[in-house]
Amino acid sequence: MPRGIVNQELVGIQRSLARTKPEYVDMTRRNMYLVRAVDVSYESLYEGPALRRAIWRYEALWLPLLLAVLLPASTTPSDPALAAKVGHIRAKNAAGDGLTSSSLVPPLDIAWVWLLHRLHPGAYAADTAGLTSANEVLHTDADTAFRFSDGEDAQSKPLRRLWDVLYPFEPYLPAYILNTPYAVDEKKKKEAVDTYAHAVGESGRATERSIVSFDVEASAILQKRFVFQTVDPRAGLEWDAIEEDEFLLRAFDRYMMFTLLRKRQPDTYLVPMMDINLVWHAHMASTRDYHADCIALVGGVVGHDALDAEARRQDLIQQERAVLEADGDLYSDGEETALALKLNFRGLPIAETRSLWEEAYGLSPAYDIPGTRYRGEPVGPRGGFRTVWEAEFGSRSARNGHEMLAVMVLSASLVAAGVVAAAFGLIATVARHGAWFLAVPGGLGLAAGGVAMFVALPSARPLSSTSRFWVDRRYKHMHNPLPSYLVRTKAFHLD
């Protein structure tokens, strides 16, 4: 098809979107911040007891809260027990600050499960709409979809007040997300579940009813692999071109091109490259925008079944393994060959997608440009950003409230002592003309150290969307130039 017609179609679909291109870029970056904060949590939220408890907290505590706040008072859940729970929450909310959707800032673990749920658009719509007879989806938008908190910032304060009233037995953010092994809190978990079950008249049911209709634990494992695609542990925080505006603007354009390709090839299984997938994930997380945009662009909500994609990938790996075993090439002297080891470093084949892309858009821009290809499997239990983080800031990725208070007191003491020392040195020097002048720079240095300690404190805990760590990174990325290889492979941009 002529490039001019393609350009017109791409410009047309971009004008049909609910938001501007820079807004989608910002959404993509904030989505990366959320999943990377998950990667540095103390206990893994990819698998194990911490994830299972997060799923329970999401279903038993968070979804009723969403129903109570997001839906009108006339809308009640069809399940009597859930309706009673929502009514209780509404009464407590009305008696307090009267929170609205803009005040709902979830703790990190719940924000994570909520995101996993929304990354399956069809399941999320069906699961949440099925909770009430009105069949209303619990939509999010770009302003609320990517927020998360460690419970110690101003953004979460209104919700925390209501949370403490509703769930006095369950902390807003459990300690094992910050700095405590889950085993220490294991007994409290069971007590919390049983207490809440009795409190709302659901004894024996609270842990059995599952609202999410797919395997959340399997989905979390896949997201660990996805995080690994977006970081390079060998290069540390310097390898951040993927968060630059120019990279993400290009990724958005390629996502639009991919969407147009999907519209033309609705029956073909298309495999997105990493940068396209980044924008796609962020788009899906903002469910209201995604729903409206899909209707406008392709006439229906586009599904994204990562579990199905992984099943396809594993089937291909097993097929190739079977061929190697039949040929006797899989094992050599009792050890797997290099070729066998590569089996677990294969993504889905992109040949068909690349062929369709080149047919529609030509050879430039290329489909599988550098920096967007499959990078293999995570080498450890995390997605890779924790390795980057610990290389820069040490193994402790979080501090509890008492530690933070102690550091604040120490930093304030250093500032006070430094100011007093500098003032004394200056006065003594003027009065006696002696060597007391050396106390001036020494005192100022001491005060500067205290200020630096206080300023650096939030950076030691990137578990909130408003932490200084993420704010500083966003500012930094706006001003860093792209590496030369990205400039040379600059993709097609819309006029």
Protein backbone atom coordinates (compact mmCIF):
# COMPACT_ATOMS: atom_id res chain seq x y z
CA MET A 1 0.00 0.00 0.00
CA PRO A 2 1.38 3.48 -0.82
CA ARG A 3 3.10 5.22 2.09
CA GLY A 4 0.89 8.30 1.71
CA ILE A 5 -2.27 6.29 2.39
CA VAL A 6 -0.60 4.64 5.38
CA ASN A 7 0.37 8.04 6.76
CA GLN A 8 -3.19 9.30 6.39
CA GLU A 9 -4.58 6.25 8.20
CA LEU A 10 -2.07 6.59 11.03
CA VAL A 11 -2.77 10.29 11.45
CA GLY A 12 -6.48 9.50 11.39
CA ILE A 13 -6.33 6.88 14.13
CA GLN A 14 -4.13 9.11 16.30
CA ARG A 15 -6.74 11.86 16.08
CA SER A 16 -9.35 9.37 17.28
CA LEU A 17 -7.49 8.68 20.53
CA ALA A 18 -8.74 9.85 23.90
CA ARG A 19 -5.43 11.49 24.82
CA THR A 20 -2.44 13.17 23.22
CA LYS A 21 0.78 11.40 22.31
CA PRO A 22 2.78 12.96 25.21
CA GLU A 23 0.13 11.73 27.63
CA TYR A 24 0.49 8.16 26.40
CA VAL A 25 4.27 8.49 26.71
CA ASP A 26 3.90 9.67 30.30
CA MET A 27 1.54 6.76 31.02
CA THR A 28 4.12 4.33 29.66
CA ARG A 29 6.89 5.72 31.84
CA ARG A 30 4.74 5.68 34.98
CA ASN A 31 3.74 2.09 34.28
CA MET A 32 7.43 1.17 34.15
CA TYR A 33 7.97 2.89 37.49
CA LEU A 34 5.22 0.76 39.03
CA VAL A 35 6.55 -2.59 37.83
CA ARG A 36 10.11 -1.68 38.76
CA ALA A 37 9.03 -0.71 42.27
CA VAL A 38 7.49 -4.18 42.51
CA ASP A 39 10.82 -5.65 41.45
CA VAL A 40 12.63 -4.10 44.45
CA SER A 41 10.09 -5.10 47.10
CA TYR A 42 11.60 -7.04 50.00
CA GLU A 43 9.57 -10.25 49.54
CA SER A 44 8.97 -11.29 45.95
CA LEU A 45 5.59 -10.31 44.52
CA TYR A 46 6.16 -12.54 41.50
CA GLU A 47 5.42 -15.79 43.32
CA GLY A 48 5.06 -17.27 46.77
CA PRO A 49 3.10 -16.31 49.88
CA ALA A 50 3.50 -12.54 49.50
CA LEU A 51 1.84 -12.64 46.08
CA ARG A 52 -0.94 -14.93 47.30
CA ARG A 53 -1.65 -12.60 50.20
CA ALA A 54 -1.63 -9.63 47.80
CA ILE A 55 -4.25 -11.41 45.69
CA TRP A 56 -6.39 -11.95 48.79
CA ARG A 57 -5.98 -8.29 49.81
CA TYR A 58 -6.97 -7.19 46.32
CA GLU A 59 -10.09 -9.34 46.15
CA ALA A 60 -11.27 -9.14 49.78
CA LEU A 61 -10.25 -5.57 50.67
CA TRP A 62 -9.57 -3.48 47.58
CA LEU A 63 -12.31 -4.47 45.14
CA PRO A 64 -15.11 -3.81 47.68
CA LEU A 65 -13.52 -0.42 48.32
CA LEU A 66 -13.54 0.33 44.60
CA LEU A 67 -17.18 -0.72 44.33
CA ALA A 68 -18.11 1.53 47.25
CA VAL A 69 -16.31 4.61 45.93
CA LEU A 70 -16.45 4.34 42.15
CA LEU A 71 -20.06 3.25 41.70
CA PRO A 72 -23.14 5.32 42.58
CA ALA A 73 -24.94 4.55 45.83
CA SER A 74 -27.85 3.10 43.88
CA THR A 75 -25.60 0.33 42.53
CA THR A 76 -25.19 -2.62 44.87
CA PRO A 77 -23.39 -5.94 44.39
CA SER A 78 -25.54 -8.91 43.50
CA ASP A 79 -23.87 -11.08 46.17
CA PRO A 80 -25.55 -10.34 49.58
CA ALA A 81 -22.33 -10.68 51.58
CA LEU A 82 -20.44 -8.40 49.22
CA ALA A 83 -23.36 -5.93 49.23
CA ALA A 84 -23.21 -5.78 53.04
CA LYS A 85 -19.47 -5.19 52.89
CA VAL A 86 -19.83 -2.38 50.34
CA GLY A 87 -22.61 -0.79 52.38
CA HIS A 88 -20.39 -0.82 55.45
CA ILE A 89 -17.55 0.84 53.53
CA ARG A 90 -19.86 3.54 52.14
CA ALA A 91 -21.16 4.36 55.60
CA LYS A 92 -17.66 4.69 57.05
CA ASN A 93 -16.50 6.74 54.05
CA ALA A 94 -19.45 9.13 54.35
CA ALA A 95 -18.69 9.58 58.04
CA GLY A 96 -15.07 10.43 57.27
CA ASP A 97 -13.41 12.37 54.49
CA GLY A 98 -15.80 11.18 51.77
CA LEU A 99 -13.10 9.85 49.46
CA THR A 100 -13.49 9.99 45.69
CA SER A 101 -11.69 8.11 42.93
CA SER A 102 -8.87 10.67 42.93
CA SER A 103 -8.03 9.70 46.54
CA LEU A 104 -7.71 5.98 45.91
CA VAL A 105 -3.97 5.32 46.01
CA PRO A 106 -3.38 1.61 46.62
CA PRO A 107 -0.43 0.12 48.49
CA LEU A 108 2.22 -1.33 46.21
CA ASP A 109 1.21 -4.99 46.45
CA ILE A 110 -2.45 -4.27 45.70
CA ALA A 111 -1.50 -1.89 42.88
CA TRP A 112 0.50 -4.76 41.42
CA VAL A 113 -2.35 -7.31 41.44
CA TRP A 114 -4.74 -4.65 40.17
CA LEU A 115 -2.38 -4.02 37.24
CA LEU A 116 -2.10 -7.74 36.50
CA HIS A 117 -5.90 -7.92 36.39
CA ARG A 118 -6.17 -4.99 33.99
CA LEU A 119 -3.54 -6.46 31.66
CA HIS A 120 -6.26 -8.97 30.72
CA PRO A 121 -8.85 -6.46 29.43
CA GLY A 122 -11.60 -8.97 28.67
CA ALA A 123 -11.27 -10.74 32.01
CA TYR A 124 -11.11 -7.46 33.96
CA ALA A 125 -14.24 -6.11 32.31
CA ALA A 126 -16.15 -9.35 32.84
CA ASP A 127 -14.93 -9.91 36.40
CA THR A 128 -15.69 -6.42 37.70
CA ALA A 129 -18.92 -5.94 35.77
CA GLY A 130 -20.14 -9.29 37.08
CA LEU A 131 -19.95 -8.07 40.67
CA THR A 132 -23.10 -5.95 40.29
CA SER A 133 -26.40 -6.35 38.53
CA ALA A 134 -25.73 -3.06 36.75
CA ASN A 135 -22.78 -4.67 34.91
CA GLU A 136 -20.57 -1.59 35.35
CA VAL A 137 -16.84 -2.00 34.81
CA LEU A 138 -14.57 -0.53 37.49
CA HIS A 139 -12.73 1.69 35.04
CA THR A 140 -9.50 3.54 35.73
CA ASP A 141 -7.98 6.41 33.78
CA ALA A 142 -4.49 7.78 33.24
CA ASP A 143 -4.68 9.95 36.35
CA THR A 144 -5.30 7.06 38.75
CA ALA A 145 -4.09 3.91 36.98
CA PHE A 146 -0.39 4.05 37.88
CA ARG A 147 -0.31 5.45 41.39
CA PHE A 148 1.04 3.37 44.25
CA SER A 149 2.31 4.08 47.72
CA ASP A 150 4.46 2.81 50.56
CA GLY A 151 2.04 4.43 53.00
CA GLU A 152 4.39 7.20 54.07
CA ASP A 153 3.59 9.95 51.60
CA ALA A 154 0.91 12.60 51.47
CA GLN A 155 -0.90 11.10 48.48
CA SER A 156 -2.01 8.02 50.45
CA LYS A 157 -2.91 9.79 53.70
CA PRO A 158 -6.69 10.22 53.07
CA LEU A 159 -7.12 6.56 52.12
CA ARG A 160 -4.98 5.36 55.01
CA ARG A 161 -7.34 7.06 57.47
CA LEU A 162 -10.30 5.19 56.00
CA TRP A 163 -8.26 1.98 55.70
CA ASP A 164 -7.47 2.01 59.43
CA VAL A 165 -11.17 2.32 60.22
CA LEU A 166 -12.24 -0.42 57.80
CA TYR A 167 -9.41 -2.90 58.26
CA PRO A 168 -7.78 -2.34 61.67
CA PHE A 169 -6.48 -5.93 61.59
CA GLU A 170 -4.63 -5.49 58.27
CA PRO A 171 -1.84 -2.95 57.67
CA TYR A 172 -2.06 -0.67 54.67
CA LEU A 173 1.34 -1.91 53.50
CA PRO A 174 2.62 -5.10 55.17
CA ALA A 175 6.14 -5.04 56.54
CA TYR A 176 7.29 -7.84 54.23
CA ILE A 177 6.97 -5.47 51.29
CA LEU A 178 9.52 -3.19 52.96
CA ASN A 179 12.06 -5.07 55.05
CA THR A 180 10.66 -8.07 56.94
CA PRO A 181 10.61 -11.75 55.89
CA TYR A 182 7.14 -13.02 55.15
CA ALA A 183 7.50 -15.90 57.61
CA VAL A 184 7.48 -13.38 60.46
CA ASP A 185 4.03 -12.22 59.40
CA GLU A 186 2.61 -15.59 58.36
CA LYS A 187 0.60 -16.12 61.53
CA LYS A 188 -0.84 -12.61 61.33
CA LYS A 189 -2.04 -13.33 57.82
CA LYS A 190 -4.29 -16.19 58.93
CA GLU A 191 -5.57 -14.17 61.87
CA ALA A 192 -6.38 -11.24 59.56
CA VAL A 193 -8.28 -13.44 57.10
CA ASP A 194 -10.29 -15.14 59.86
CA THR A 195 -11.02 -11.87 61.66
CA TYR A 196 -12.32 -10.20 58.53
CA ALA A 197 -14.34 -13.26 57.53
CA HIS A 198 -16.16 -13.21 60.88
CA ALA A 199 -16.55 -9.43 60.88
CA VAL A 200 -18.47 -9.41 57.59
CA GLY A 201 -20.33 -12.68 58.12
CA GLU A 202 -18.30 -14.66 55.61
CA SER A 203 -16.68 -17.24 57.84
CA GLY A 204 -15.28 -20.00 55.68
CA ARG A 205 -15.95 -18.10 52.44
CA ALA A 206 -13.58 -15.15 52.40
CA THR A 207 -10.61 -17.15 51.20
CA GLU A 208 -12.55 -19.42 48.87
CA ARG A 209 -14.38 -17.05 46.55
CA SER A 210 -12.17 -15.97 43.65
CA ILE A 211 -13.14 -12.90 41.69
CA VAL A 212 -10.29 -12.87 39.21
CA SER A 213 -11.05 -15.41 36.49
CA PHE A 214 -7.51 -16.26 35.34
CA ASP A 215 -4.28 -17.47 36.93
CA VAL A 216 -2.84 -14.34 38.54
CA GLU A 217 0.22 -16.17 39.84
CA ALA A 218 1.15 -17.35 36.35
CA SER A 219 0.59 -13.83 35.03
CA ALA A 220 2.93 -12.38 37.68
CA ILE A 221 5.72 -14.75 36.60
CA LEU A 222 5.34 -13.51 33.02
CA GLN A 223 5.64 -9.91 34.16
CA LYS A 224 8.93 -10.75 35.88
CA ARG A 225 10.20 -11.78 32.47
CA PHE A 226 8.81 -8.60 30.95
CA VAL A 227 10.66 -6.43 33.50
CA PHE A 228 13.85 -8.23 32.50
CA GLN A 229 13.33 -7.10 28.91
CA THR A 230 13.42 -3.45 30.01
CA VAL A 231 16.63 -3.37 32.06
CA ASP A 232 20.27 -4.26 31.65
CA PRO A 233 21.75 -5.20 35.05
CA ARG A 234 25.27 -4.95 33.63
CA ALA A 235 24.90 -1.27 32.82
CA GLY A 236 23.08 -0.10 35.96
CA LEU A 237 20.99 3.05 36.09
CA GLU A 238 22.98 4.54 33.23
CA TRP A 239 21.14 2.23 30.85
CA ASP A 240 17.96 4.26 30.88
CA ALA A 241 17.44 5.19 27.22
CA ILE A 242 14.25 3.16 27.27
CA GLU A 243 12.69 5.82 29.52
CA GLU A 244 13.70 8.76 27.34
CA ASP A 245 10.98 10.79 25.65
CA GLU A 246 12.36 10.14 22.17
CA PHE A 247 12.43 6.38 22.65
CA LEU A 248 8.89 6.33 24.04
CA LEU A 249 7.54 8.70 21.38
CA ARG A 250 8.93 6.36 18.77
CA ALA A 251 7.44 3.38 20.65
CA PHE A 252 4.04 5.06 20.61
CA ASP A 253 4.23 5.59 16.85
CA ARG A 254 5.18 1.94 16.37
CA TYR A 255 2.29 0.91 18.63
CA MET A 256 -0.09 2.87 16.40
CA MET A 257 1.39 1.14 13.35
CA PHE A 258 1.00 -2.22 15.10
CA THR A 259 -2.62 -1.40 15.94
CA LEU A 260 -3.33 -0.56 12.30
CA LEU A 261 -1.70 -3.84 11.32
CA ARG A 262 -3.96 -5.70 13.76
CA LYS A 263 -6.96 -3.97 12.25
CA ARG A 264 -5.95 -5.20 8.80
CA GLN A 265 -5.00 -8.70 10.00
CA PRO A 266 -7.61 -9.52 12.67
CA ASP A 267 -7.17 -13.28 12.30
CA THR A 268 -3.36 -13.32 12.38
CA TYR A 269 -1.40 -13.87 15.60
CA LEU A 270 0.88 -10.81 15.68
CA VAL A 271 3.86 -10.66 18.03
CA PRO A 272 4.73 -7.18 19.37
CA MET A 273 8.31 -6.06 19.96
CA MET A 274 9.30 -4.93 23.44
CA ASP A 275 8.80 -1.18 22.89
CA ILE A 276 5.37 -1.77 21.35
CA ASN A 277 4.43 -3.98 24.28
CA LEU A 278 5.50 -1.27 26.73
CA VAL A 279 2.99 1.20 25.33
CA TRP A 280 0.36 -1.50 24.97
CA HIS A 281 0.63 -2.43 28.67
CA ALA A 282 0.29 1.18 29.76
CA HIS A 283 -2.66 1.68 27.42
CA MET A 284 -4.48 -1.36 28.83
CA ALA A 285 -3.85 -0.26 32.41
CA SER A 286 -5.90 2.89 31.77
CA THR A 287 -9.06 0.88 31.15
CA ARG A 288 -11.38 3.77 30.32
CA ASP A 289 -9.02 5.15 27.67
CA TYR A 290 -8.23 1.69 26.31
CA HIS A 291 -11.88 0.76 25.95
CA ALA A 292 -12.76 4.02 24.19
CA ASP A 293 -9.70 3.94 21.93
CA CYS A 294 -10.20 0.31 20.87
CA ILE A 295 -13.82 0.98 19.98
CA ALA A 296 -12.79 4.01 17.92
CA LEU A 297 -9.81 2.32 16.24
CA VAL A 298 -10.80 -1.28 15.59
CA GLY A 299 -14.46 -1.47 16.59
CA GLY A 300 -13.96 -3.60 19.69
CA VAL A 301 -11.73 -4.13 22.72
CA VAL A 302 -8.46 -5.80 21.70
CA GLY A 303 -7.50 -8.70 23.93
CA HIS A 304 -4.03 -9.31 25.34
CA ASP A 305 -3.59 -12.84 26.62
CA ALA A 306 -0.01 -13.14 27.85
CA LEU A 307 -0.77 -16.58 29.27
CA ASP A 308 -1.77 -17.82 25.84
CA ALA A 309 1.39 -16.32 24.32
CA GLU A 310 3.52 -18.08 26.92
CA ALA A 311 1.76 -21.39 26.23
CA ARG A 312 2.58 -20.95 22.53
CA ARG A 313 6.22 -20.20 23.37
CA GLN A 314 6.55 -23.25 25.61
CA ASP A 315 5.02 -25.46 22.91
CA LEU A 316 7.62 -24.25 20.43
CA ILE A 317 10.42 -24.87 22.92
CA GLN A 318 9.18 -28.41 23.56
CA GLN A 319 8.91 -29.09 19.84
CA GLU A 320 12.49 -27.96 19.30
CA ARG A 321 13.66 -29.94 22.33
CA ALA A 322 11.97 -33.06 20.93
CA VAL A 323 13.80 -32.60 17.62
CA LEU A 324 17.14 -32.20 19.41
CA GLU A 325 16.52 -35.29 21.52
CA ALA A 326 15.59 -37.32 18.43
CA ASP A 327 18.81 -36.23 16.72
CA GLY A 328 20.90 -36.90 19.81
CA ASP A 329 22.00 -33.26 20.00
CA LEU A 330 20.30 -32.29 23.24
CA TYR A 331 22.84 -33.75 25.63
CA SER A 332 26.58 -34.18 25.36
CA ASP A 333 28.54 -36.06 28.06
CA GLY A 334 25.63 -35.67 30.46
CA GLU A 335 25.42 -31.89 30.08
CA GLU A 336 23.15 -29.77 27.96
CA THR A 337 24.74 -28.34 24.85
CA ALA A 338 24.88 -24.62 24.17
CA LEU A 339 22.09 -25.06 21.66
CA ALA A 340 19.89 -26.72 24.30
CA LEU A 341 20.58 -23.95 26.78
CA LYS A 342 19.35 -21.43 24.23
CA LEU A 343 15.94 -23.07 24.18
CA ASN A 344 14.86 -21.09 27.23
CA PHE A 345 16.08 -17.87 25.64
CA ARG A 346 13.63 -17.91 22.75
CA GLY A 347 10.74 -15.53 22.35
CA LEU A 348 7.84 -16.13 20.01
CA PRO A 349 8.85 -16.16 16.33
CA ILE A 350 8.31 -12.76 14.74
CA ALA A 351 8.93 -13.72 11.10
CA GLU A 352 5.27 -13.58 10.06
CA THR A 353 4.65 -10.30 11.90
CA ARG A 354 7.80 -8.77 10.42
CA SER A 355 6.75 -9.86 6.93
CA LEU A 356 3.33 -8.25 7.31
CA TRP A 357 4.94 -5.12 8.77
CA GLU A 358 7.33 -4.80 5.82
CA GLU A 359 4.48 -5.40 3.40
CA ALA A 360 2.51 -2.54 4.96
CA TYR A 361 5.30 -0.09 5.84
CA GLY A 362 8.38 -1.14 3.88
CA LEU A 363 11.83 -1.93 5.23
CA SER A 364 12.19 1.41 6.98
CA PRO A 365 11.39 1.59 9.81
CA ALA A 366 12.43 -1.98 10.52
CA TYR A 367 10.20 -4.03 12.77
CA ASP A 368 12.85 -5.58 15.03
CA ILE A 369 15.06 -2.55 15.60
CA PRO A 370 17.96 -2.75 18.13
CA GLY A 371 16.90 -2.43 21.74
CA THR A 372 13.46 -3.96 21.17
CA ARG A 373 14.33 -7.64 20.69
CA TYR A 374 13.80 -10.49 23.14
CA ARG A 375 16.63 -10.54 25.69
CA GLY A 376 16.05 -13.97 27.20
CA GLU A 377 15.00 -15.14 30.65
CA PRO A 378 15.72 -13.48 34.01
CA VAL A 379 18.82 -14.95 35.58
CA GLY A 380 17.49 -14.76 39.15
CA PRO A 381 14.25 -14.62 41.12
CA ARG A 382 13.60 -10.99 40.13
CA GLY A 383 13.18 -9.17 36.84
CA GLY A 384 16.55 -7.42 36.96
CA PHE A 385 15.79 -3.93 38.25
CA ARG A 386 16.48 -4.99 41.83
CA THR A 387 20.00 -5.95 40.73
CA VAL A 388 20.41 -2.50 39.19
CA TRP A 389 19.01 -0.84 42.30
CA GLU A 390 21.20 -2.73 44.76
CA ALA A 391 24.30 -2.04 42.69
CA GLU A 392 23.62 1.67 43.08
CA PHE A 393 22.18 1.90 46.59
CA GLY A 394 23.11 -1.29 48.41
CA SER A 395 21.12 -4.36 49.34
CA ARG A 396 18.60 -2.58 51.57
CA SER A 397 15.86 -1.34 49.29
CA ALA A 398 13.60 0.01 52.04
CA ARG A 399 13.52 1.41 55.54
CA ASN A 400 10.74 1.19 58.06
CA GLY A 401 9.17 4.20 59.75
CA HIS A 402 11.34 4.01 62.87
CA GLU A 403 14.53 3.90 60.81
CA MET A 404 13.39 6.82 58.70
CA LEU A 405 12.52 8.83 61.81
CA ALA A 406 15.94 8.08 63.28
CA VAL A 407 17.66 9.22 60.10
CA MET A 408 15.57 12.41 60.04
CA VAL A 409 16.50 13.18 63.66
CA LEU A 410 20.17 12.49 62.93
CA SER A 411 20.15 14.68 59.83
CA ALA A 412 18.42 17.51 61.72
CA SER A 413 20.99 17.18 64.51
CA LEU A 414 23.85 17.38 62.03
CA VAL A 415 22.37 20.49 60.44
CA ALA A 416 21.87 22.14 63.83
CA ALA A 417 25.37 21.21 65.03
CA GLY A 418 26.89 22.42 61.77
CA VAL A 419 25.10 25.76 61.88
CA VAL A 420 26.12 26.29 65.54
CA ALA A 421 29.74 25.36 64.80
CA ALA A 422 29.91 27.68 61.78
CA ALA A 423 28.32 30.56 63.70
CA PHE A 424 30.64 30.05 66.68
CA GLY A 425 33.68 29.88 64.42
CA LEU A 426 32.71 33.08 62.64
CA ILE A 427 32.05 34.97 65.91
CA ALA A 428 35.23 33.67 67.52
CA THR A 429 37.31 34.61 64.50
CA VAL A 430 35.95 38.16 64.42
CA ALA A 431 36.44 38.58 68.16
CA ARG A 432 39.89 37.01 68.53
CA HIS A 433 41.30 36.90 64.98
CA GLY A 434 42.47 33.37 65.65
CA ALA A 435 42.29 29.96 64.02
CA TRP A 436 38.63 29.55 64.91
CA PHE A 437 37.87 30.40 61.28
CA LEU A 438 38.45 26.72 60.43
CA ALA A 439 35.23 25.93 62.29
CA VAL A 440 33.24 27.85 59.67
CA PRO A 441 33.85 25.52 56.68
CA GLY A 442 33.78 22.53 59.02
CA GLY A 443 30.40 23.53 60.41
CA LEU A 444 28.99 24.28 56.97
CA GLY A 445 30.22 20.90 55.73
CA LEU A 446 28.55 19.19 58.69
CA ALA A 447 25.28 21.00 57.96
CA ALA A 448 25.51 20.13 54.27
CA GLY A 449 25.98 16.47 55.20
CA GLY A 450 22.81 16.58 57.28
CA VAL A 451 20.86 18.18 54.44
CA ALA A 452 22.20 15.60 51.97
CA MET A 453 21.19 12.77 54.31
CA PHE A 454 17.66 14.13 54.59
CA VAL A 455 17.31 14.74 50.84
CA ALA A 456 18.57 11.26 49.98
CA LEU A 457 16.17 9.53 52.38
CA PRO A 458 13.21 9.11 49.97
CA SER A 459 15.56 7.83 47.28
CA ALA A 460 16.34 4.80 49.41
CA ARG A 461 12.75 3.64 49.05
CA PRO A 462 11.26 3.86 45.53
CA LEU A 463 8.02 2.16 46.59
CA SER A 464 5.74 5.12 45.97
CA SER A 465 4.85 6.89 42.73
CA THR A 466 5.72 10.22 44.36
CA SER A 467 9.09 9.21 45.82
CA ARG A 468 11.95 11.54 44.98
CA PHE A 469 13.71 8.65 43.25
CA TRP A 470 11.10 8.44 40.49
CA VAL A 471 10.59 12.21 40.30
CA ASP A 472 14.32 12.78 39.87
CA ARG A 473 14.54 10.08 37.22
CA ARG A 474 11.69 11.58 35.25
CA TYR A 475 13.38 14.99 35.26
CA LYS A 476 16.72 13.41 34.35
CA HIS A 477 15.26 11.53 31.38
CA MET A 478 13.78 14.70 29.95
CA HIS A 479 17.26 16.16 29.52
CA ASN A 480 19.50 13.22 28.60
CA PRO A 481 20.40 12.72 24.94
CA LEU A 482 19.73 9.38 23.30
CA PRO A 483 22.60 7.00 22.53
CA SER A 484 23.83 7.24 18.96
CA TYR A 485 22.49 3.81 17.95
CA LEU A 486 18.95 4.95 18.78
CA VAL A 487 19.36 8.13 16.79
CA ARG A 488 20.58 6.16 13.78
CA THR A 489 17.57 3.84 13.93
CA LYS A 490 14.98 6.54 14.49
CA ALA A 491 11.61 5.16 13.45
CA PHE A 492 8.81 6.66 11.40
CA HIS A 493 7.08 9.53 13.17
CA LEU A 494 3.66 10.93 12.44
CA ASP A 495 3.43 14.42 11.06
